[in-house]
Amino acid sequence: MKPIRALSNADEVVRLLAADGDMSPAEISERLDIPRPSVYRLLDGLESIGLTEAMPGSRAKLNLRWLHLADQARDSMIEWRGARELLAELVAETSQTAYLSVLREQEAVCLDWERGRAIGVLLLKPGRSLPLYAGAAGRTCLAFGVNIDEYLQAVPERRAYTSATLTTDEALRADVATTRERGYVFSDEDVTDGIGAIGVPIRGDRGQLIGALSLSGIIGDFHAKQDEYLETLLDVAERLGNLSEADAE
């Protein structure tokens, strides 16, 4: 396997395990269209440097070392220093899980979180990502951070997570228009059944999108307290934007 190709394949394996959890070499081979012997070599290499670990049944998962690497990467981003305290404040007021995410290529990547209720069933975690067409953070980034026409052309295939996932061009164009008009995203079970979320943009000094702030938890809570959660989110998002601007000076 050529070095650049091997690195590219290893990156795909890591992204897949981060998104979908532990998998067998056969499953990885099928999902990524990489020969199974190559998958075994990639997993052996990743395990030897502590990035994956073997599980019963010949399955593989990401090693906890990724959490340490994520902490180091987050701490190196001076624009988000102090964000954790604001996330903790958000959780204290709502009891829901709070996320700080950023736009990276065609995904919303979670940089940090503060855990609330229902944590065991939530898909997004630090270091993990969601596509821009699904979830509060992703759809916030889609509406405020990218050109919708270019995105739809670049990502023609969109996997549905639930029956509520928006996957068609028409549905996503309508969602972007609605989000821009009202200023926030309401995610109603479009990533995980029974889970809702609200997302708002974090803006820089020129009004540009610099991140997404979201809350997630049991959908019933979000139907009952949507206005209350939104007010708190908008306040913290504004303070995060001011924090980022102050650190950049």
Protein backbone atom coordinates (compact mmCIF):
# COMPACT_ATOMS: atom_id res chain seq x y z
CA MET A 1 0.00 0.00 0.00
CA LYS A 2 1.51 3.34 -1.02
CA PRO A 3 2.19 5.71 1.93
CA ILE A 4 -0.23 8.49 0.88
CA ARG A 5 -2.94 5.98 0.03
CA ALA A 6 -2.40 4.22 3.35
CA LEU A 7 -2.71 7.48 5.27
CA SER A 8 -5.87 8.38 3.39
CA ASN A 9 -7.38 4.97 4.11
CA ALA A 10 -6.39 5.20 7.78
CA ASP A 11 -8.10 8.58 7.97
CA GLU A 12 -11.28 7.07 6.50
CA VAL A 13 -11.18 4.21 9.02
CA VAL A 14 -10.78 6.63 11.94
CA ARG A 15 -13.64 8.81 10.69
CA LEU A 16 -15.90 5.78 10.28
CA LEU A 17 -15.17 4.47 13.78
CA ALA A 18 -15.70 7.95 15.20
CA ALA A 19 -19.08 8.27 13.50
CA ASP A 20 -20.47 4.75 13.91
CA GLY A 21 -18.62 3.22 16.87
CA ASP A 22 -16.92 -0.18 17.02
CA MET A 23 -16.92 -2.27 13.85
CA SER A 24 -15.44 -5.50 12.48
CA PRO A 25 -12.82 -5.50 9.70
CA ALA A 26 -15.43 -7.00 7.38
CA GLU A 27 -17.85 -4.17 8.10
CA ILE A 28 -15.15 -1.55 7.60
CA SER A 29 -14.07 -3.19 4.35
CA GLU A 30 -17.63 -3.16 3.02
CA ARG A 31 -18.40 0.41 4.10
CA LEU A 32 -15.18 1.92 2.75
CA ASP A 33 -14.57 -0.39 -0.20
CA ILE A 34 -11.07 -1.20 1.07
CA PRO A 35 -9.79 -4.79 0.70
CA ARG A 36 -10.12 -6.71 3.95
CA PRO A 37 -6.38 -7.56 4.21
CA SER A 38 -5.64 -3.83 3.93
CA VAL A 39 -8.15 -3.10 6.70
CA TYR A 40 -6.41 -5.61 8.99
CA ARG A 41 -3.04 -3.93 8.30
CA LEU A 42 -4.48 -0.48 8.93
CA LEU A 43 -6.06 -1.56 12.23
CA ASP A 44 -2.83 -3.24 13.33
CA GLY A 45 -0.92 -0.03 12.60
CA LEU A 46 -3.45 2.19 14.36
CA GLU A 47 -3.50 -0.12 17.38
CA SER A 48 0.31 -0.17 17.58
CA ILE A 49 0.36 3.62 18.11
CA GLY A 50 -2.56 3.60 20.54
CA LEU A 51 -5.26 5.07 18.33
CA THR A 52 -7.52 2.02 18.17
CA GLU A 53 -8.00 -1.01 20.37
CA ALA A 54 -9.27 -4.53 19.78
CA MET A 55 -12.58 -5.71 21.21
CA PRO A 56 -14.18 -9.16 21.55
CA GLY A 57 -15.33 -10.63 18.28
CA SER A 58 -12.42 -9.11 16.32
CA ARG A 59 -14.05 -5.71 16.44
CA ALA A 60 -12.13 -2.44 16.70
CA LYS A 61 -12.89 0.89 18.33
CA LEU A 62 -11.10 4.18 18.83
CA ASN A 63 -8.81 4.37 21.84
CA LEU A 64 -9.38 6.83 24.66
CA ARG A 65 -6.14 8.49 23.60
CA TRP A 66 -8.30 10.46 21.14
CA LEU A 67 -9.87 12.27 24.09
CA HIS A 68 -6.44 13.46 25.18
CA LEU A 69 -5.61 14.55 21.64
CA ALA A 70 -8.96 16.35 21.40
CA ASP A 71 -8.25 18.19 24.66
CA GLN A 72 -4.86 19.32 23.34
CA ALA A 73 -6.34 20.45 20.04
CA ARG A 74 -9.11 22.37 21.78
CA ASP A 75 -6.71 24.03 24.20
CA SER A 76 -4.56 25.20 21.29
CA MET A 77 -7.50 27.17 19.87
CA ILE A 78 -7.18 30.42 21.75
CA GLU A 79 -10.47 31.73 20.35
CA TRP A 80 -12.36 29.19 22.46
CA ARG A 81 -10.52 29.55 25.76
CA GLY A 82 -13.12 30.14 28.41
CA ALA A 83 -15.87 28.46 26.37
CA ARG A 84 -16.17 25.52 28.77
CA GLU A 85 -17.33 27.77 31.59
CA LEU A 86 -20.09 29.16 29.38
CA LEU A 87 -21.15 25.65 28.33
CA ALA A 88 -21.34 24.67 32.00
CA GLU A 89 -23.50 27.72 32.69
CA LEU A 90 -25.81 26.73 29.82
CA VAL A 91 -26.22 23.21 31.22
CA ALA A 92 -26.82 24.52 34.74
CA GLU A 93 -29.73 26.59 33.44
CA THR A 94 -31.29 23.96 31.16
CA SER A 95 -30.11 20.51 32.36
CA GLN A 96 -29.60 19.60 28.68
CA THR A 97 -26.32 18.70 26.97
CA ALA A 98 -24.53 21.70 25.42
CA TYR A 99 -22.27 21.50 22.37
CA LEU A 100 -19.72 23.80 20.78
CA SER A 101 -19.18 22.82 17.15
CA VAL A 102 -17.33 24.28 14.17
CA LEU A 103 -17.66 23.97 10.42
CA ARG A 104 -14.94 21.79 8.88
CA GLU A 105 -15.30 21.12 5.16
CA GLN A 106 -18.69 19.39 4.82
CA GLU A 107 -19.23 18.48 8.48
CA ALA A 108 -19.97 20.04 11.83
CA VAL A 109 -17.25 18.90 14.24
CA CYS A 110 -17.87 18.95 17.98
CA LEU A 111 -15.01 20.72 19.78
CA ASP A 112 -16.39 20.53 23.30
CA TRP A 113 -19.46 19.69 25.32
CA GLU A 114 -20.92 19.86 28.79
CA ARG A 115 -23.04 16.86 29.63
CA GLY A 116 -26.63 17.03 30.79
CA ARG A 117 -29.42 14.47 30.91
CA ALA A 118 -29.96 11.71 28.32
CA ILE A 119 -26.25 11.57 27.59
CA GLY A 120 -26.20 7.83 26.89
CA VAL A 121 -28.28 8.09 23.71
CA LEU A 122 -26.72 11.17 22.11
CA LEU A 123 -24.71 10.60 18.94
CA LEU A 124 -22.55 13.74 18.85
CA LYS A 125 -19.53 13.84 21.17
CA PRO A 126 -16.21 15.76 21.23
CA GLY A 127 -14.14 14.81 18.21
CA ARG A 128 -17.11 13.37 16.39
CA SER A 129 -18.92 15.05 13.53
CA LEU A 130 -22.27 15.11 11.80
CA PRO A 131 -23.04 16.01 8.19
CA LEU A 132 -24.41 19.47 7.55
CA TYR A 133 -27.85 18.17 6.61
CA ALA A 134 -28.57 16.53 9.99
CA GLY A 135 -28.76 17.75 13.56
CA ALA A 136 -28.90 21.21 15.08
CA ALA A 137 -25.18 21.97 14.79
CA GLY A 138 -24.88 20.71 11.22
CA ARG A 139 -27.97 22.48 9.94
CA THR A 140 -26.90 25.69 11.67
CA CYS A 141 -23.57 25.54 9.84
CA LEU A 142 -25.36 24.74 6.58
CA ALA A 143 -27.64 27.75 6.86
CA PHE A 144 -25.11 30.32 7.99
CA GLY A 145 -21.73 29.04 6.86
CA VAL A 146 -21.86 27.60 3.35
CA ASN A 147 -23.36 28.15 -0.08
CA ILE A 148 -26.36 25.81 -0.20
CA ASP A 149 -26.17 25.29 -3.97
CA GLU A 150 -22.51 24.29 -3.82
CA TYR A 151 -23.14 21.99 -0.87
CA LEU A 152 -26.01 20.14 -2.50
CA GLN A 153 -23.92 19.58 -5.60
CA ALA A 154 -20.90 18.41 -3.58
CA VAL A 155 -22.91 16.02 -1.37
CA PRO A 156 -25.52 14.38 -3.61
CA GLU A 157 -25.90 11.26 -1.44
CA ARG A 158 -27.25 11.80 2.08
CA ARG A 159 -27.89 8.92 4.46
CA ALA A 160 -31.04 9.16 6.56
CA TYR A 161 -30.46 8.65 10.29
CA THR A 162 -34.18 8.52 11.07
CA SER A 163 -37.42 8.98 9.15
CA ALA A 164 -37.21 12.70 10.00
CA THR A 165 -33.76 13.30 8.47
CA LEU A 166 -33.83 15.93 5.72
CA THR A 167 -32.13 14.42 2.67
CA THR A 168 -33.67 15.94 -0.46
CA ASP A 169 -32.54 19.14 -2.15
CA GLU A 170 -36.01 20.64 -1.77
CA ALA A 171 -36.24 19.90 1.96
CA LEU A 172 -32.78 21.28 2.67
CA ARG A 173 -33.33 24.45 0.65
CA ALA A 174 -36.55 25.06 2.57
CA ASP A 175 -34.83 24.36 5.89
CA VAL A 176 -32.03 26.81 5.13
CA ALA A 177 -34.53 29.51 4.20
CA THR A 178 -36.52 28.94 7.40
CA THR A 179 -33.40 28.87 9.55
CA ARG A 180 -32.07 32.11 8.11
CA GLU A 181 -35.42 33.80 8.65
CA ARG A 182 -35.90 32.78 12.27
CA GLY A 183 -32.22 32.61 13.26
CA TYR A 184 -32.06 29.12 14.74
CA VAL A 185 -32.51 25.39 14.02
CA PHE A 186 -34.99 23.09 15.72
CA SER A 187 -33.92 19.46 15.31
CA ASP A 188 -36.94 17.21 15.84
CA GLU A 189 -35.63 13.62 16.02
CA ASP A 190 -33.72 13.96 12.73
CA VAL A 191 -30.57 12.26 14.08
CA THR A 192 -31.83 9.99 16.89
CA ASP A 193 -35.39 8.90 17.61
CA GLY A 194 -36.66 10.55 20.78
CA ILE A 195 -33.96 13.25 20.79
CA GLY A 196 -34.39 16.93 20.00
CA ALA A 197 -32.00 19.85 19.76
CA ILE A 198 -31.83 23.58 19.16
CA GLY A 199 -28.86 25.22 17.43
CA VAL A 200 -27.84 28.86 16.96
CA PRO A 201 -24.90 30.46 15.16
CA ILE A 202 -21.91 31.97 16.94
CA ARG A 203 -20.83 35.03 14.98
CA GLY A 204 -17.54 36.87 14.74
CA ASP A 205 -16.90 40.60 14.69
CA ARG A 206 -17.98 40.90 11.03
CA GLY A 207 -21.10 38.81 11.48
CA GLN A 208 -19.49 35.72 9.98
CA LEU A 209 -20.18 32.22 11.30
CA ILE A 210 -17.38 31.06 13.60
CA GLY A 211 -19.20 28.19 15.31
CA ALA A 212 -22.50 26.64 16.32
CA LEU A 213 -23.91 26.36 19.83
CA SER A 214 -26.55 23.72 20.47
CA LEU A 215 -28.53 21.99 23.19
CA SER A 216 -29.70 18.38 22.92
CA GLY A 217 -31.84 16.03 24.97
CA ILE A 218 -35.22 14.30 25.24
CA ILE A 219 -37.57 15.70 22.59
CA GLY A 220 -40.45 16.25 25.03
CA ASP A 221 -38.36 18.76 26.99
CA PHE A 222 -37.64 20.73 23.84
CA HIS A 223 -41.26 20.91 22.75
CA ALA A 224 -42.22 22.13 26.22
CA LYS A 225 -39.38 24.62 26.75
CA GLN A 226 -38.27 25.64 23.26
CA ASP A 227 -38.61 29.41 23.84
CA GLU A 228 -36.84 29.21 27.21
CA TYR A 229 -33.95 27.18 25.81
CA LEU A 230 -33.63 29.43 22.77
CA GLU A 231 -33.38 32.59 24.88
CA THR A 232 -30.58 31.06 26.96
CA LEU A 233 -28.77 29.75 23.86
CA LEU A 234 -28.83 33.12 22.11
CA ASP A 235 -27.42 34.85 25.19
CA VAL A 236 -24.54 32.38 25.57
CA ALA A 237 -23.85 32.38 21.81
CA GLU A 238 -23.46 36.14 21.84
CA ARG A 239 -21.06 35.93 24.77
CA LEU A 240 -19.07 33.20 23.01
CA GLY A 241 -18.77 35.45 19.97
CA ASN A 242 -17.56 38.31 22.15
CA LEU A 243 -15.13 35.95 23.89
CA SER A 244 -13.67 34.85 20.56
CA GLU A 245 -13.32 38.44 19.38
CA ALA A 246 -11.56 39.48 22.61
CA ASP A 247 -9.08 36.59 22.37
CA ALA A 248 -8.27 37.50 18.75
CA GLU A 249 -7.24 41.05 19.71
